């Protein structure tokens, strides 16, 4: 798949989801970037902002299998991954697949499940496989997790551990509709539910092709050094308990490559990195209580780093290093 094909594919999916979600084109595009990069997305926001609708709209835009898990405190790991059941007629155990055996998985209110159940997703998200009683089973490809959580309610919830958060490529906040978008949302939903009217605009084979092709996007040595310096800076300072991991650094590279391809470019720009810094880095950073640990404080910390570290500029003598636009 060529760069222009990735651009076209992302545009079709984005436009289809935009028929349901009003005024959130940038968020939709970031979700599509995560999908095409082979990552996962965590949507965190207050109830009623469209997290579940966003996930369902994306799932309906792709001609693949979609399953949903409503996470609750009594959910067991086997309810997620599956289990072996004894068949009395055959006098043997047979495996019954859990909902993770799908292409797109909506993990709704993931922070309501116990840590034991949350951890059942770790292997699935990172290695695209499930190991039960010593036997490993490969998950379908593509495999994309969209998880949602409500940051307001504390009672009956279990915060995701850092190891789990690090598995998400992006963490996004949809936010409330603003200005004319609120009225447009009423107009769109007043008679019909538009999510019932949209159909698939992409196949799973196209998604897989894009996931195997975005590596063609060029990342110059200056951009690589820029990303490495940003990551290193997240680990410095008296108020930092945990900075961005090497996994997070590589996640930024992948996301930036896909963002460039979606924009129709065969090379990454510093603006791609700046745009993705908050959704890629923030959930991987822990600040001490003295500075604050909420999302806005972490975003301020990342934005301050972006202002501190100078972005690379194109060297006229090195233009041949940057491929021409596809």
C-alpha atoms as a PDB file:
ATOM      1  CA  UNK A   1       0.000   0.000   0.000  1.00  0.00           C
ATOM      2  CA  UNK A   2       1.323   3.419  -0.992  1.00  0.00           C
ATOM      3  CA  UNK A   3       1.206   6.569   1.137  1.00  0.00           C
ATOM      4  CA  UNK A   4      -1.642   7.984  -0.916  1.00  0.00           C
ATOM      5  CA  UNK A   5      -3.660   4.830  -0.260  1.00  0.00           C
ATOM      6  CA  UNK A   6      -3.194   5.229   3.510  1.00  0.00           C
ATOM      7  CA  UNK A   7      -4.323   8.851   3.177  1.00  0.00           C
ATOM      8  CA  UNK A   8      -7.435   7.781   1.276  1.00  0.00           C
ATOM      9  CA  UNK A   9      -8.221   4.960   3.716  1.00  0.00           C
ATOM     10  CA  UNK A  10      -7.933   7.228   6.753  1.00  0.00           C
ATOM     11  CA  UNK A  11     -10.073   9.870   5.065  1.00  0.00           C
ATOM     12  CA  UNK A  12     -12.874   7.402   4.337  1.00  0.00           C
ATOM     13  CA  UNK A  13     -12.971   6.148   7.916  1.00  0.00           C
ATOM     14  CA  UNK A  14     -12.759   9.654   9.393  1.00  0.00           C
ATOM     15  CA  UNK A  15     -15.561  10.970   7.180  1.00  0.00           C
ATOM     16  CA  UNK A  16     -17.779   7.998   7.975  1.00  0.00           C
ATOM     17  CA  UNK A  17     -17.368   8.388  11.745  1.00  0.00           C
ATOM     18  CA  UNK A  18     -17.942  12.144  11.364  1.00  0.00           C
ATOM     19  CA  UNK A  19     -21.452  11.357  10.176  1.00  0.00           C
ATOM     20  CA  UNK A  20     -22.201  10.378  13.775  1.00  0.00           C
ATOM     21  CA  UNK A  21     -19.720  12.334  15.937  1.00  0.00           C
ATOM     22  CA  UNK A  22     -20.133  16.101  15.597  1.00  0.00           C
ATOM     23  CA  UNK A  23     -17.285  18.613  15.745  1.00  0.00           C
ATOM     24  CA  UNK A  24     -14.554  16.182  16.820  1.00  0.00           C
ATOM     25  CA  UNK A  25     -12.698  15.592  13.552  1.00  0.00           C
ATOM     26  CA  UNK A  26      -9.292  15.933  15.222  1.00  0.00           C
ATOM     27  CA  UNK A  27     -10.144  13.306  17.864  1.00  0.00           C
ATOM     28  CA  UNK A  28     -11.548  10.986  15.206  1.00  0.00           C
ATOM     29  CA  UNK A  29      -8.369  11.317  13.156  1.00  0.00           C
ATOM     30  CA  UNK A  30      -6.226  10.512  16.193  1.00  0.00           C
ATOM     31  CA  UNK A  31      -8.261   7.346  16.820  1.00  0.00           C
ATOM     32  CA  UNK A  32      -7.780   6.363  13.173  1.00  0.00           C
ATOM     33  CA  UNK A  33      -4.040   7.061  13.475  1.00  0.00           C
ATOM     34  CA  UNK A  34      -3.862   4.689  16.447  1.00  0.00           C
ATOM     35  CA  UNK A  35      -5.756   2.010  14.513  1.00  0.00           C
ATOM     36  CA  UNK A  36      -3.485   2.241  11.458  1.00  0.00           C
ATOM     37  CA  UNK A  37      -0.379   2.279  13.672  1.00  0.00           C
ATOM     38  CA  UNK A  38      -1.438  -1.000  15.265  1.00  0.00           C
ATOM     39  CA  UNK A  39      -1.930   0.614  18.673  1.00  0.00           C
ATOM     40  CA  UNK A  40      -4.814   0.924  21.126  1.00  0.00           C
ATOM     41  CA  UNK A  41      -6.783   3.911  22.423  1.00  0.00           C
ATOM     42  CA  UNK A  42      -7.975   4.893  25.895  1.00  0.00           C
ATOM     43  CA  UNK A  43     -10.880   7.352  25.855  1.00  0.00           C
ATOM     44  CA  UNK A  44     -11.222   9.112  29.208  1.00  0.00           C
ATOM     45  CA  UNK A  45     -13.986  11.602  29.818  1.00  0.00           C
ATOM     46  CA  UNK A  46     -17.115  12.325  31.816  1.00  0.00           C
ATOM     47  CA  UNK A  47     -20.303  10.358  31.023  1.00  0.00           C
ATOM     48  CA  UNK A  48     -22.295  11.282  27.963  1.00  0.00           C
ATOM     49  CA  UNK A  49     -19.540  12.767  25.797  1.00  0.00           C
ATOM     50  CA  UNK A  50     -19.740  10.043  23.140  1.00  0.00           C
ATOM     51  CA  UNK A  51     -16.963   7.630  24.085  1.00  0.00           C
ATOM     52  CA  UNK A  52     -18.989   4.494  23.397  1.00  0.00           C
ATOM     53  CA  UNK A  53     -20.613   6.007  20.301  1.00  0.00           C
ATOM     54  CA  UNK A  54     -17.159   6.850  18.958  1.00  0.00           C
ATOM     55  CA  UNK A  55     -16.028   3.250  19.416  1.00  0.00           C
ATOM     56  CA  UNK A  56     -19.174   1.796  17.832  1.00  0.00           C
ATOM     57  CA  UNK A  57     -18.993   4.183  14.869  1.00  0.00           C
ATOM     58  CA  UNK A  58     -15.392   3.203  14.168  1.00  0.00           C
ATOM     59  CA  UNK A  59     -16.259  -0.485  14.443  1.00  0.00           C
ATOM     60  CA  UNK A  60     -19.131  -0.124  11.988  1.00  0.00           C
ATOM     61  CA  UNK A  61     -16.812   1.683   9.561  1.00  0.00           C
ATOM     62  CA  UNK A  62     -14.649  -1.422   9.206  1.00  0.00           C
ATOM     63  CA  UNK A  63     -15.867  -4.683   7.728  1.00  0.00           C
ATOM     64  CA  UNK A  64     -14.585  -6.759  10.630  1.00  0.00           C
ATOM     65  CA  UNK A  65     -15.802  -8.409  13.801  1.00  0.00           C
ATOM     66  CA  UNK A  66     -16.718  -6.200  16.744  1.00  0.00           C
ATOM     67  CA  UNK A  67     -17.314  -7.200  20.368  1.00  0.00           C
ATOM     68  CA  UNK A  68     -17.976  -5.266  23.535  1.00  0.00           C
ATOM     69  CA  UNK A  69     -17.167  -6.021  27.164  1.00  0.00           C
ATOM     70  CA  UNK A  70     -18.952  -4.079  29.893  1.00  0.00           C
ATOM     71  CA  UNK A  71     -16.394  -4.165  32.681  1.00  0.00           C
ATOM     72  CA  UNK A  72     -17.769  -4.651  36.205  1.00  0.00           C
ATOM     73  CA  UNK A  73     -16.164  -5.600  39.542  1.00  0.00           C
ATOM     74  CA  UNK A  74     -17.435  -9.192  39.284  1.00  0.00           C
ATOM     75  CA  UNK A  75     -15.999  -9.770  35.787  1.00  0.00           C
ATOM     76  CA  UNK A  76     -13.461 -12.619  35.728  1.00  0.00           C
ATOM     77  CA  UNK A  77     -10.341 -12.927  33.526  1.00  0.00           C
ATOM     78  CA  UNK A  78     -11.898 -15.955  31.821  1.00  0.00           C
ATOM     79  CA  UNK A  79     -14.886 -13.758  30.874  1.00  0.00           C
ATOM     80  CA  UNK A  80     -12.422 -11.750  28.794  1.00  0.00           C
ATOM     81  CA  UNK A  81     -10.014 -14.304  27.347  1.00  0.00           C
ATOM     82  CA  UNK A  82     -12.097 -17.512  27.346  1.00  0.00           C
ATOM     83  CA  UNK A  83     -11.714 -20.835  29.136  1.00  0.00           C
ATOM     84  CA  UNK A  84     -11.533 -24.597  28.709  1.00  0.00           C
ATOM     85  CA  UNK A  85     -14.826 -26.412  29.263  1.00  0.00           C
ATOM     86  CA  UNK A  86     -15.179 -30.169  29.690  1.00  0.00           C
ATOM     87  CA  UNK A  87     -17.303 -31.758  26.965  1.00  0.00           C
ATOM     88  CA  UNK A  88     -18.933 -34.824  28.468  1.00  0.00           C
ATOM     89  CA  UNK A  89     -19.934 -36.234  25.085  1.00  0.00           C
ATOM     90  CA  UNK A  90     -16.408 -36.075  23.700  1.00  0.00           C
ATOM     91  CA  UNK A  91     -14.845 -36.731  27.116  1.00  0.00           C
ATOM     92  CA  UNK A  92     -12.321 -33.952  26.589  1.00  0.00           C
ATOM     93  CA  UNK A  93     -11.773 -30.268  27.287  1.00  0.00           C
ATOM     94  CA  UNK A  94     -12.558 -27.792  24.536  1.00  0.00           C
ATOM     95  CA  UNK A  95     -11.737 -24.112  24.411  1.00  0.00           C
ATOM     96  CA  UNK A  96     -14.510 -21.554  24.384  1.00  0.00           C
ATOM     97  CA  UNK A  97     -13.279 -18.234  23.024  1.00  0.00           C
ATOM     98  CA  UNK A  98     -13.729 -15.043  25.001  1.00  0.00           C
ATOM     99  CA  UNK A  99     -14.707 -11.690  23.461  1.00  0.00           C
ATOM    100  CA  UNK A 100     -11.046 -10.745  22.883  1.00  0.00           C
ATOM    101  CA  UNK A 101     -11.110 -12.981  19.818  1.00  0.00           C
ATOM    102  CA  UNK A 102     -12.293 -10.201  17.541  1.00  0.00           C
ATOM    103  CA  UNK A 103     -10.959  -7.399  15.352  1.00  0.00           C
ATOM    104  CA  UNK A 104     -12.226  -4.425  17.345  1.00  0.00           C
ATOM    105  CA  UNK A 105     -12.853  -4.731  21.073  1.00  0.00           C
ATOM    106  CA  UNK A 106     -14.685  -2.097  23.093  1.00  0.00           C
ATOM    107  CA  UNK A 107     -13.593  -2.359  26.727  1.00  0.00           C
ATOM    108  CA  UNK A 108     -16.280  -0.170  28.243  1.00  0.00           C
ATOM    109  CA  UNK A 109     -15.530   1.381  31.658  1.00  0.00           C
ATOM    110  CA  UNK A 110     -12.352  -0.644  31.935  1.00  0.00           C
ATOM    111  CA  UNK A 111     -11.481   0.846  35.330  1.00  0.00           C
ATOM    112  CA  UNK A 112     -14.527  -0.803  36.937  1.00  0.00           C
ATOM    113  CA  UNK A 113     -12.933  -4.260  36.683  1.00  0.00           C
ATOM    114  CA  UNK A 114     -10.541  -5.594  39.305  1.00  0.00           C
ATOM    115  CA  UNK A 115      -6.779  -5.458  38.631  1.00  0.00           C
ATOM    116  CA  UNK A 116      -6.805  -9.220  38.090  1.00  0.00           C
ATOM    117  CA  UNK A 117      -9.279  -8.883  35.237  1.00  0.00           C
ATOM    118  CA  UNK A 118      -7.589  -5.784  33.834  1.00  0.00           C
ATOM    119  CA  UNK A 119      -4.318  -7.700  33.644  1.00  0.00           C
ATOM    120  CA  UNK A 120      -5.996 -10.295  31.408  1.00  0.00           C
ATOM    121  CA  UNK A 121      -5.748  -7.722  28.619  1.00  0.00           C
ATOM    122  CA  UNK A 122      -1.992  -7.127  28.980  1.00  0.00           C
ATOM    123  CA  UNK A 123      -0.837 -10.045  26.852  1.00  0.00           C
ATOM    124  CA  UNK A 124      -3.689  -9.510  24.400  1.00  0.00           C
ATOM    125  CA  UNK A 125      -2.840  -5.865  23.772  1.00  0.00           C
ATOM    126  CA  UNK A 126       0.925  -6.208  23.552  1.00  0.00           C
ATOM    127  CA  UNK A 127       1.459  -9.590  21.911  1.00  0.00           C
ATOM    128  CA  UNK A 128      -1.914 -10.177  20.198  1.00  0.00           C
ATOM    129  CA  UNK A 129      -2.242 -13.589  21.803  1.00  0.00           C
ATOM    130  CA  UNK A 130      -3.846 -15.370  24.743  1.00  0.00           C
ATOM    131  CA  UNK A 131      -2.144 -18.026  26.871  1.00  0.00           C
ATOM    132  CA  UNK A 132      -4.481 -20.277  28.864  1.00  0.00           C
ATOM    133  CA  UNK A 133      -3.248 -23.303  30.779  1.00  0.00           C
ATOM    134  CA  UNK A 134       0.058 -23.203  28.923  1.00  0.00           C
ATOM    135  CA  UNK A 135      -1.459 -23.088  25.431  1.00  0.00           C
ATOM    136  CA  UNK A 136      -1.048 -19.953  23.350  1.00  0.00           C
ATOM    137  CA  UNK A 137      -3.733 -18.873  20.900  1.00  0.00           C
ATOM    138  CA  UNK A 138      -3.235 -16.092  18.369  1.00  0.00           C
ATOM    139  CA  UNK A 139      -5.840 -13.344  18.187  1.00  0.00           C
ATOM    140  CA  UNK A 140      -7.382 -12.258  14.876  1.00  0.00           C
ATOM    141  CA  UNK A 141      -5.635  -9.530  12.897  1.00  0.00           C
ATOM    142  CA  UNK A 142      -6.124  -6.650  13.052  1.00  0.00           C
ATOM    143  CA  UNK A 143      -6.770  -6.462  16.795  1.00  0.00           C
ATOM    144  CA  UNK A 144      -7.687  -3.030  18.123  1.00  0.00           C
ATOM    145  CA  UNK A 145      -8.800  -2.163  21.654  1.00  0.00           C
ATOM    146  CA  UNK A 146     -10.806   0.969  22.409  1.00  0.00           C
ATOM    147  CA  UNK A 147     -11.146   1.311  26.163  1.00  0.00           C
ATOM    148  CA  UNK A 148     -13.244   3.903  27.965  1.00  0.00           C
ATOM    149  CA  UNK A 149     -13.144   5.126  31.526  1.00  0.00           C
ATOM    150  CA  UNK A 150     -14.851   7.785  33.618  1.00  0.00           C
ATOM    151  CA  UNK A 151     -12.366   9.956  35.557  1.00  0.00           C
ATOM    152  CA  UNK A 152     -15.018  11.499  37.809  1.00  0.00           C
ATOM    153  CA  UNK A 153     -16.430   8.518  39.696  1.00  0.00           C
ATOM    154  CA  UNK A 154     -14.044   6.934  42.191  1.00  0.00           C
ATOM    155  CA  UNK A 155     -16.296   4.562  44.121  1.00  0.00           C
ATOM    156  CA  UNK A 156     -16.280   1.070  42.625  1.00  0.00           C
ATOM    157  CA  UNK A 157     -13.353   1.744  40.282  1.00  0.00           C
ATOM    158  CA  UNK A 158      -9.790   0.441  40.115  1.00  0.00           C
ATOM    159  CA  UNK A 159      -7.246   2.797  38.490  1.00  0.00           C
ATOM    160  CA  UNK A 160      -5.305   1.224  35.649  1.00  0.00           C
ATOM    161  CA  UNK A 161      -1.707   0.394  36.635  1.00  0.00           C
ATOM    162  CA  UNK A 162       1.150   2.019  34.757  1.00  0.00           C
ATOM    163  CA  UNK A 163       1.946  -1.250  32.944  1.00  0.00           C
ATOM    164  CA  UNK A 164      -1.585  -1.287  31.530  1.00  0.00           C
ATOM    165  CA  UNK A 165      -1.599   2.397  30.589  1.00  0.00           C
ATOM    166  CA  UNK A 166       1.686   1.984  28.732  1.00  0.00           C
ATOM    167  CA  UNK A 167      -0.034  -0.477  26.372  1.00  0.00           C
ATOM    168  CA  UNK A 168      -2.248   2.276  24.986  1.00  0.00           C
ATOM    169  CA  UNK A 169      -0.743   4.195  22.105  1.00  0.00           C
ATOM    170  CA  UNK A 170      -2.941   7.243  22.757  1.00  0.00           C
ATOM    171  CA  UNK A 171      -5.080   8.548  25.591  1.00  0.00           C
ATOM    172  CA  UNK A 172      -7.751  10.984  24.410  1.00  0.00           C
ATOM    173  CA  UNK A 173     -10.419  13.221  25.901  1.00  0.00           C
ATOM    174  CA  UNK A 174     -13.398  13.844  23.642  1.00  0.00           C
ATOM    175  CA  UNK A 175     -14.788  16.815  25.555  1.00  0.00           C
ATOM    176  CA  UNK A 176     -18.122  18.599  25.302  1.00  0.00           C
ATOM    177  CA  UNK A 177     -19.430  19.986  21.986  1.00  0.00           C
ATOM    178  CA  UNK A 178     -18.764  23.683  21.624  1.00  0.00           C
ATOM    179  CA  UNK A 179     -20.615  26.534  19.931  1.00  0.00           C
ATOM    180  CA  UNK A 180     -22.736  25.518  16.964  1.00  0.00           C
ATOM    181  CA  UNK A 181     -21.674  21.885  17.369  1.00  0.00           C
ATOM    182  CA  UNK A 182     -24.165  21.414  20.233  1.00  0.00           C
ATOM    183  CA  UNK A 183     -27.096  22.487  18.042  1.00  0.00           C
ATOM    184  CA  UNK A 184     -25.772  20.401  15.140  1.00  0.00           C
ATOM    185  CA  UNK A 185     -25.697  17.394  17.482  1.00  0.00           C
ATOM    186  CA  UNK A 186     -29.382  17.911  18.357  1.00  0.00           C
ATOM    187  CA  UNK A 187     -30.292  18.318  14.690  1.00  0.00           C
ATOM    188  CA  UNK A 188     -28.466  15.127  13.787  1.00  0.00           C
ATOM    189  CA  UNK A 189     -30.048  12.951  16.476  1.00  0.00           C
ATOM    190  CA  UNK A 190     -33.499  14.521  16.821  1.00  0.00           C
ATOM    191  CA  UNK A 191     -35.240  12.094  14.461  1.00  0.00           C
ATOM    192  CA  UNK A 192     -32.931   9.164  13.835  1.00  0.00           C
ATOM    193  CA  UNK A 193     -29.816   7.553  15.279  1.00  0.00           C
ATOM    194  CA  UNK A 194     -27.159   8.087  12.584  1.00  0.00           C
ATOM    195  CA  UNK A 195     -25.019   5.238  13.911  1.00  0.00           C
ATOM    196  CA  UNK A 196     -27.631   2.815  12.579  1.00  0.00           C
ATOM    197  CA  UNK A 197     -27.282   4.244   9.080  1.00  0.00           C
ATOM    198  CA  UNK A 198     -23.523   4.010   8.547  1.00  0.00           C
ATOM    199  CA  UNK A 199     -21.861   0.977   7.015  1.00  0.00           C
ATOM    200  CA  UNK A 200     -18.313  -0.270   6.441  1.00  0.00           C
ATOM    201  CA  UNK A 201     -16.013   1.827   4.266  1.00  0.00           C
ATOM    202  CA  UNK A 202     -12.850  -0.238   4.806  1.00  0.00           C
ATOM    203  CA  UNK A 203     -11.902  -3.895   5.026  1.00  0.00           C
ATOM    204  CA  UNK A 204      -9.674  -5.620   7.558  1.00  0.00           C
ATOM    205  CA  UNK A 205      -7.251  -6.426   4.736  1.00  0.00           C
ATOM    206  CA  UNK A 206      -6.869  -2.706   3.996  1.00  0.00           C
ATOM    207  CA  UNK A 207      -6.194  -2.014   7.675  1.00  0.00           C
ATOM    208  CA  UNK A 208      -3.539  -4.736   7.758  1.00  0.00           C
ATOM    209  CA  UNK A 209      -1.944  -3.391   4.578  1.00  0.00           C
ATOM    210  CA  UNK A 210      -1.761   0.070   6.104  1.00  0.00           C
ATOM    211  CA  UNK A 211      -0.264  -1.312   9.326  1.00  0.00           C
ATOM    212  CA  UNK A 212       2.420  -3.040   7.273  1.00  0.00           C
ATOM    213  CA  UNK A 213       3.109  -0.038   5.012  1.00  0.00           C
ATOM    214  CA  UNK A 214       3.327   3.086   7.177  1.00  0.00           C
ATOM    215  CA  UNK A 215       6.988   2.255   7.956  1.00  0.00           C
ATOM    216  CA  UNK A 216       7.777   3.645   4.511  1.00  0.00           C
ATOM    217  CA  UNK A 217       7.329   7.126   5.979  1.00  0.00           C
ATOM    218  CA  UNK A 218      10.761   8.690   6.451  1.00  0.00           C
ATOM    219  CA  UNK A 219      11.899   9.818   9.914  1.00  0.00           C
ATOM    220  CA  UNK A 220      15.011  11.978   9.599  1.00  0.00           C
ATOM    221  CA  UNK A 221      17.874  11.777  12.076  1.00  0.00           C
ATOM    222  CA  UNK A 222      16.961  15.264  13.334  1.00  0.00           C
ATOM    223  CA  UNK A 223      13.394  14.163  14.099  1.00  0.00           C
ATOM    224  CA  UNK A 224      14.653  11.017  15.818  1.00  0.00           C
ATOM    225  CA  UNK A 225      16.974  13.073  17.999  1.00  0.00           C
ATOM    226  CA  UNK A 226      14.113  15.502  18.733  1.00  0.00           C
ATOM    227  CA  UNK A 227      11.853  12.678  19.941  1.00  0.00           C
ATOM    228  CA  UNK A 228      14.649  11.188  22.051  1.00  0.00           C
ATOM    229  CA  UNK A 229      15.336  14.568  23.696  1.00  0.00           C
ATOM    230  CA  UNK A 230      11.658  15.105  24.474  1.00  0.00           C
ATOM    231  CA  UNK A 231      11.408  11.672  26.071  1.00  0.00           C
ATOM    232  CA  UNK A 232      14.573  12.210  28.096  1.00  0.00           C
ATOM    233  CA  UNK A 233      13.231  15.528  29.360  1.00  0.00           C
ATOM    234  CA  UNK A 234      10.049  13.853  30.675  1.00  0.00           C
ATOM    235  CA  UNK A 235      12.215  11.916  33.135  1.00  0.00           C
ATOM    236  CA  UNK A 236      13.916  14.979  34.615  1.00  0.00           C
ATOM    237  CA  UNK A 237      12.893  17.338  37.370  1.00  0.00           C
ATOM    238  CA  UNK A 238      12.179  17.113  41.082  1.00  0.00           C
ATOM    239  CA  UNK A 239       8.453  16.724  40.477  1.00  0.00           C
ATOM    240  CA  UNK A 240       8.688  13.697  38.162  1.00  0.00           C
ATOM    241  CA  UNK A 241       8.071  10.254  39.613  1.00  0.00           C
ATOM    242  CA  UNK A 242       7.973   8.420  36.263  1.00  0.00           C
ATOM    243  CA  UNK A 243       8.821   9.556  32.759  1.00  0.00           C
ATOM    244  CA  UNK A 244       8.102   8.160  29.301  1.00  0.00           C
ATOM    245  CA  UNK A 245       9.364   4.620  28.730  1.00  0.00           C
ATOM    246  CA  UNK A 246      11.248   3.348  25.665  1.00  0.00           C
ATOM    247  CA  UNK A 247       7.939   1.793  24.585  1.00  0.00           C
ATOM    248  CA  UNK A 248       6.420   5.243  24.701  1.00  0.00           C
ATOM    249  CA  UNK A 249       9.269   6.668  22.634  1.00  0.00           C
ATOM    250  CA  UNK A 250       8.771   4.049  19.924  1.00  0.00           C
ATOM    251  CA  UNK A 251       5.024   4.666  20.113  1.00  0.00           C
ATOM    252  CA  UNK A 252       5.654   8.302  19.254  1.00  0.00           C
ATOM    253  CA  UNK A 253       7.700   7.309  16.205  1.00  0.00           C
ATOM    254  CA  UNK A 254       4.955   4.979  14.969  1.00  0.00           C
ATOM    255  CA  UNK A 255       2.192   7.492  15.581  1.00  0.00           C
ATOM    256  CA  UNK A 256       4.142  10.282  13.868  1.00  0.00           C
ATOM    257  CA  UNK A 257       4.767   8.112  10.815  1.00  0.00           C
ATOM    258  CA  UNK A 258       1.064   7.319  10.477  1.00  0.00           C
ATOM    259  CA  UNK A 259       0.084  10.947  11.102  1.00  0.00           C
ATOM    260  CA  UNK A 260       2.375  11.998   8.260  1.00  0.00           C
ATOM    261  CA  UNK A 261       0.896   9.349   5.955  1.00  0.00           C
ATOM    262  CA  UNK A 262      -2.645  10.400   6.856  1.00  0.00           C
ATOM    263  CA  UNK A 263      -1.674  13.970   5.965  1.00  0.00           C
ATOM    264  CA  UNK A 264      -0.393  12.748   2.586  1.00  0.00           C
ATOM    265  CA  UNK A 265       3.316  13.066   3.349  1.00  0.00           C
ATOM    266  CA  UNK A 266       6.093  10.493   3.057  1.00  0.00           C
ATOM    267  CA  UNK A 267       8.153  12.160   5.792  1.00  0.00           C
ATOM    268  CA  UNK A 268       7.593  13.220   9.406  1.00  0.00           C
ATOM    269  CA  UNK A 269       7.613  16.887  10.420  1.00  0.00           C
ATOM    270  CA  UNK A 270       8.238  18.345  13.893  1.00  0.00           C
ATOM    271  CA  UNK A 271       4.599  19.468  13.898  1.00  0.00           C
ATOM    272  CA  UNK A 272       3.533  15.803  13.774  1.00  0.00           C
ATOM    273  CA  UNK A 273       5.493  15.156  16.960  1.00  0.00           C
ATOM    274  CA  UNK A 274       4.155  18.278  18.684  1.00  0.00           C
ATOM    275  CA  UNK A 275       0.576  17.378  17.833  1.00  0.00           C
ATOM    276  CA  UNK A 276       0.947  13.891  19.268  1.00  0.00           C
ATOM    277  CA  UNK A 277       3.032  14.721  22.335  1.00  0.00           C
ATOM    278  CA  UNK A 278       0.152  15.113  24.801  1.00  0.00           C
ATOM    279  CA  UNK A 279      -1.932  12.051  23.746  1.00  0.00           C
ATOM    280  CA  UNK A 280       1.164   9.822  23.465  1.00  0.00           C
ATOM    281  CA  UNK A 281       3.147  10.988  26.507  1.00  0.00           C
ATOM    282  CA  UNK A 282       0.745  12.185  29.203  1.00  0.00           C
ATOM    283  CA  UNK A 283      -0.619   8.830  30.392  1.00  0.00           C
ATOM    284  CA  UNK A 284       2.933   7.517  30.633  1.00  0.00           C
ATOM    285  CA  UNK A 285       4.065  10.253  33.038  1.00  0.00           C
ATOM    286  CA  UNK A 286       3.527  10.337  36.793  1.00  0.00           C
ATOM    287  CA  UNK A 287       4.072  13.583  38.652  1.00  0.00           C
ATOM    288  CA  UNK A 288       4.547  13.799  42.406  1.00  0.00           C
ATOM    289  CA  UNK A 289       1.777  15.129  44.633  1.00  0.00           C
ATOM    290  CA  UNK A 290       3.639  18.394  45.033  1.00  0.00           C
ATOM    291  CA  UNK A 291       3.053  19.305  41.397  1.00  0.00           C
ATOM    292  CA  UNK A 292      -0.205  17.480  40.807  1.00  0.00           C
ATOM    293  CA  UNK A 293      -1.196  14.280  39.132  1.00  0.00           C
ATOM    294  CA  UNK A 294      -4.302  15.185  37.141  1.00  0.00           C
ATOM    295  CA  UNK A 295      -4.433  15.219  33.360  1.00  0.00           C
ATOM    296  CA  UNK A 296      -4.303  18.998  32.989  1.00  0.00           C
ATOM    297  CA  UNK A 297      -1.137  19.252  35.099  1.00  0.00           C
ATOM    298  CA  UNK A 298       0.540  16.532  33.078  1.00  0.00           C
ATOM    299  CA  UNK A 299      -0.464  18.228  29.823  1.00  0.00           C
ATOM    300  CA  UNK A 300       1.035  21.483  31.113  1.00  0.00           C
ATOM    301  CA  UNK A 301       4.241  19.612  31.913  1.00  0.00           C
ATOM    302  CA  UNK A 302       4.461  18.142  28.389  1.00  0.00           C
ATOM    303  CA  UNK A 303       3.655  21.460  26.722  1.00  0.00           C
ATOM    304  CA  UNK A 304       6.358  23.132  28.797  1.00  0.00           C
ATOM    305  CA  UNK A 305       8.858  20.576  27.514  1.00  0.00           C
ATOM    306  CA  UNK A 306       7.748  21.280  23.935  1.00  0.00           C
ATOM    307  CA  UNK A 307       8.461  24.971  24.500  1.00  0.00           C
ATOM    308  CA  UNK A 308      11.825  24.202  26.078  1.00  0.00           C
ATOM    309  CA  UNK A 309      13.273  21.794  23.507  1.00  0.00           C
ATOM    310  CA  UNK A 310      13.778  23.533  20.142  1.00  0.00           C
ATOM    311  CA  UNK A 311      12.223  21.752  17.190  1.00  0.00           C
ATOM    312  CA  UNK A 312      14.579  20.865  14.323  1.00  0.00           C
ATOM    313  CA  UNK A 313      14.511  22.942  11.181  1.00  0.00           C
ATOM    314  CA  UNK A 314      15.205  21.728   7.688  1.00  0.00           C
ATOM    315  CA  UNK A 315      18.835  21.970   6.619  1.00  0.00           C
ATOM    316  CA  UNK A 316      18.884  23.219   2.995  1.00  0.00           C
ATOM    317  CA  UNK A 317      21.968  21.090   2.360  1.00  0.00           C
ATOM    318  CA  UNK A 318      20.170  17.942   3.524  1.00  0.00           C
ATOM    319  CA  UNK A 319      16.982  18.237   1.476  1.00  0.00           C
ATOM    320  CA  UNK A 320      17.825  15.141  -0.491  1.00  0.00           C
ATOM    321  CA  UNK A 321      17.442  13.204   2.775  1.00  0.00           C
ATOM    322  CA  UNK A 322      13.734  14.068   2.871  1.00  0.00           C
ATOM    323  CA  UNK A 323      11.673  12.159   0.289  1.00  0.00           C
ATOM    324  CA  UNK A 324       9.353  14.015  -1.972  1.00  0.00           C
ATOM    325  CA  UNK A 325       5.629  14.082  -1.174  1.00  0.00           C
ATOM    326  CA  UNK A 326       3.894  10.930  -2.413  1.00  0.00           C
END
